[in-house]
C-alpha atoms as a PDB file:
ATOM      1  CA  MET A   1      84.771 130.350 123.090  1.00  0.00           C
ATOM      2  CA  ASN A   2      88.399 131.343 124.289  1.00  0.00           C
ATOM      3  CA  MET A   3      91.168 129.148 123.805  1.00  0.00           C
ATOM      4  CA  GLU A   4      94.464 130.170 125.025  1.00  0.00           C
ATOM      5  CA  LEU A   5      97.467 127.750 124.440  1.00  0.00           C
ATOM      6  CA  THR A   6     100.821 127.372 126.298  1.00  0.00           C
ATOM      7  CA  TYR A   7     103.699 125.839 125.058  1.00  0.00           C
ATOM      8  CA  THR A   8     106.681 123.983 126.072  1.00  0.00           C
ATOM      9  CA  PRO A   9     110.155 124.428 124.374  1.00  0.00           C
ATOM     10  CA  GLN A  10     111.351 120.984 123.259  1.00  0.00           C
ATOM     11  CA  GLY A  11     114.649 121.432 121.335  1.00  0.00           C
ATOM     12  CA  ASP A  12     113.915 123.591 118.500  1.00  0.00           C
ATOM     13  CA  TYR A  13     110.330 123.189 118.716  1.00  0.00           C
ATOM     14  CA  LEU A  14     107.424 124.675 120.829  1.00  0.00           C
ATOM     15  CA  LEU A  15     105.000 121.943 121.557  1.00  0.00           C
ATOM     16  CA  PRO A  16     101.656 122.868 122.656  1.00  0.00           C
ATOM     17  CA  ASN A  17     100.231 121.767 126.309  1.00  0.00           C
ATOM     18  CA  LEU A  18      97.516 119.717 125.393  1.00  0.00           C
ATOM     19  CA  THR A  19      95.458 117.663 127.249  1.00  0.00           C
ATOM     20  CA  LEU A  20      92.025 115.218 127.522  1.00  0.00           C
ATOM     21  CA  SER A  21      89.110 116.686 128.984  1.00  0.00           C
ATOM     22  CA  GLU A  22      88.035 112.958 129.268  1.00  0.00           C
ATOM     23  CA  ALA A  23      89.219 110.916 132.164  1.00  0.00           C
ATOM     24  CA  GLU A  24      91.005 108.189 131.629  1.00  0.00           C
ATOM     25  CA  THR A  25      88.971 104.883 132.167  1.00  0.00           C
ATOM     26  CA  THR A  26      89.876 101.234 132.031  1.00  0.00           C
ATOM     27  CA  ILE A  27      89.290  99.493 129.000  1.00  0.00           C
ATOM     28  CA  GLY A  28      88.642  95.346 129.155  1.00  0.00           C
ATOM     29  CA  LYS A  29      89.535  92.854 126.506  1.00  0.00           C
ATOM     30  CA  TYR A  30      86.189  93.282 124.528  1.00  0.00           C
ATOM     31  CA  GLY A  31      86.657  97.262 124.547  1.00  0.00           C
ATOM     32  CA  MET A  32      90.251  96.470 122.903  1.00  0.00           C
ATOM     33  CA  MET A  33      88.689  94.335 120.533  1.00  0.00           C
ATOM     34  CA  ARG A  34      86.320  97.078 119.498  1.00  0.00           C
ATOM     35  CA  LYS A  35      89.013  99.711 119.084  1.00  0.00           C
ATOM     36  CA  THR A  36      91.163  97.143 116.890  1.00  0.00           C
ATOM     37  CA  PHE A  37      88.313  96.771 114.854  1.00  0.00           C
ATOM     38  CA  LEU A  38      87.693 100.262 114.382  1.00  0.00           C
ATOM     39  CA  LYS A  39      91.157 101.280 113.794  1.00  0.00           C
ATOM     40  CA  THR A  40      91.310  98.361 110.914  1.00  0.00           C
ATOM     41  CA  GLU A  41      87.953  98.279 109.572  1.00  0.00           C
ATOM     42  CA  ARG A  42      86.191 101.473 110.450  1.00  0.00           C
ATOM     43  CA  LYS A  43      88.686 104.207 110.085  1.00  0.00           C
ATOM     44  CA  GLY A  44      86.137 106.957 109.717  1.00  0.00           C
ATOM     45  CA  MET A  45      84.223 106.321 112.600  1.00  0.00           C
ATOM     46  CA  TYR A  46      87.465 105.765 115.124  1.00  0.00           C
ATOM     47  CA  ALA A  47      88.961 108.971 113.980  1.00  0.00           C
ATOM     48  CA  HIS A  48      85.313 110.598 114.556  1.00  0.00           C
ATOM     49  CA  LEU A  49      84.812 109.018 118.295  1.00  0.00           C
ATOM     50  CA  MET A  50      88.908 110.248 119.174  1.00  0.00           C
ATOM     51  CA  LEU A  51      88.495 113.781 117.612  1.00  0.00           C
ATOM     52  CA  SER A  52      85.153 114.152 119.556  1.00  0.00           C
ATOM     53  CA  GLU A  53      86.737 112.568 122.676  1.00  0.00           C
ATOM     54  CA  GLN A  54      84.145 109.881 122.756  1.00  0.00           C
ATOM     55  CA  LEU A  55      85.997 106.938 121.847  1.00  0.00           C
ATOM     56  CA  ASN A  56      86.789 105.767 125.995  1.00  0.00           C
ATOM     57  CA  ARG A  57      83.702 106.156 126.505  1.00  0.00           C
ATOM     58  CA  HIS A  58      82.317 104.112 123.457  1.00  0.00           C
ATOM     59  CA  LEU A  59      85.079 101.317 123.988  1.00  0.00           C
ATOM     60  CA  ALA A  60      83.771 101.352 127.853  1.00  0.00           C
ATOM     61  CA  ASP A  61      80.125 100.997 126.750  1.00  0.00           C
ATOM     62  CA  ILE A  62      80.948  97.973 124.613  1.00  0.00           C
ATOM     63  CA  ASP A  63      82.736  96.353 127.098  1.00  0.00           C
ATOM     64  CA  ARG A  64      80.196  96.254 129.831  1.00  0.00           C
ATOM     65  CA  THR A  65      77.410  95.159 127.139  1.00  0.00           C
ATOM     66  CA  ALA A  66      79.225  92.211 126.065  1.00  0.00           C
ATOM     67  CA  ARG A  67      80.388  91.508 130.053  1.00  0.00           C
ATOM     68  CA  GLU A  68      76.816  91.492 130.521  1.00  0.00           C
ATOM     69  CA  GLN A  69      75.655  89.713 127.732  1.00  0.00           C
ATOM     70  CA  ILE A  70      78.470  86.841 128.657  1.00  0.00           C
ATOM     71  CA  ASP A  71      77.301  86.830 132.213  1.00  0.00           C
ATOM     72  CA  ARG A  72      73.489  86.436 131.229  1.00  0.00           C
ATOM     73  CA  THR A  73      74.249  83.535 128.574  1.00  0.00           C
ATOM     74  CA  ILE A  74      76.297  81.817 131.533  1.00  0.00           C
ATOM     75  CA  LYS A  75      73.534  82.129 133.987  1.00  0.00           C
ATOM     76  CA  GLU A  76      71.034  80.850 131.084  1.00  0.00           C
ATOM     77  CA  LEU A  77      73.627  77.954 130.411  1.00  0.00           C
ATOM     78  CA  LEU A  78      73.645  76.944 134.016  1.00  0.00           C
ATOM     79  CA  ALA A  79      69.647  76.988 134.439  1.00  0.00           C
ATOM     80  CA  SER A  80      69.322  74.684 131.639  1.00  0.00           C
ATOM     81  CA  HIS A  81      72.027  72.326 132.145  1.00  0.00           C
ATOM     82  CA  PRO A  82      73.162  72.468 135.832  1.00  0.00           C
ATOM     83  CA  ALA A  83      76.543  71.087 136.290  1.00  0.00           C
END
């Protein structure tokens, strides 16, 4: 694997031009809550996900799963106790 880096001068420094290969995804409330939990309570897992570029995908999965569970729970409650 050949990696060539290009640099941009910023004052007295040369900063590498780095980009993420992962596309930006919108993370909802539950994904953001998971991110906060990982940053404060599971720092190693957070660092691993971030460095392996899997953090956004993980957060999006958590958010989707939480929303599906909420939707399922609301449907069950409405079926058992109609308004």
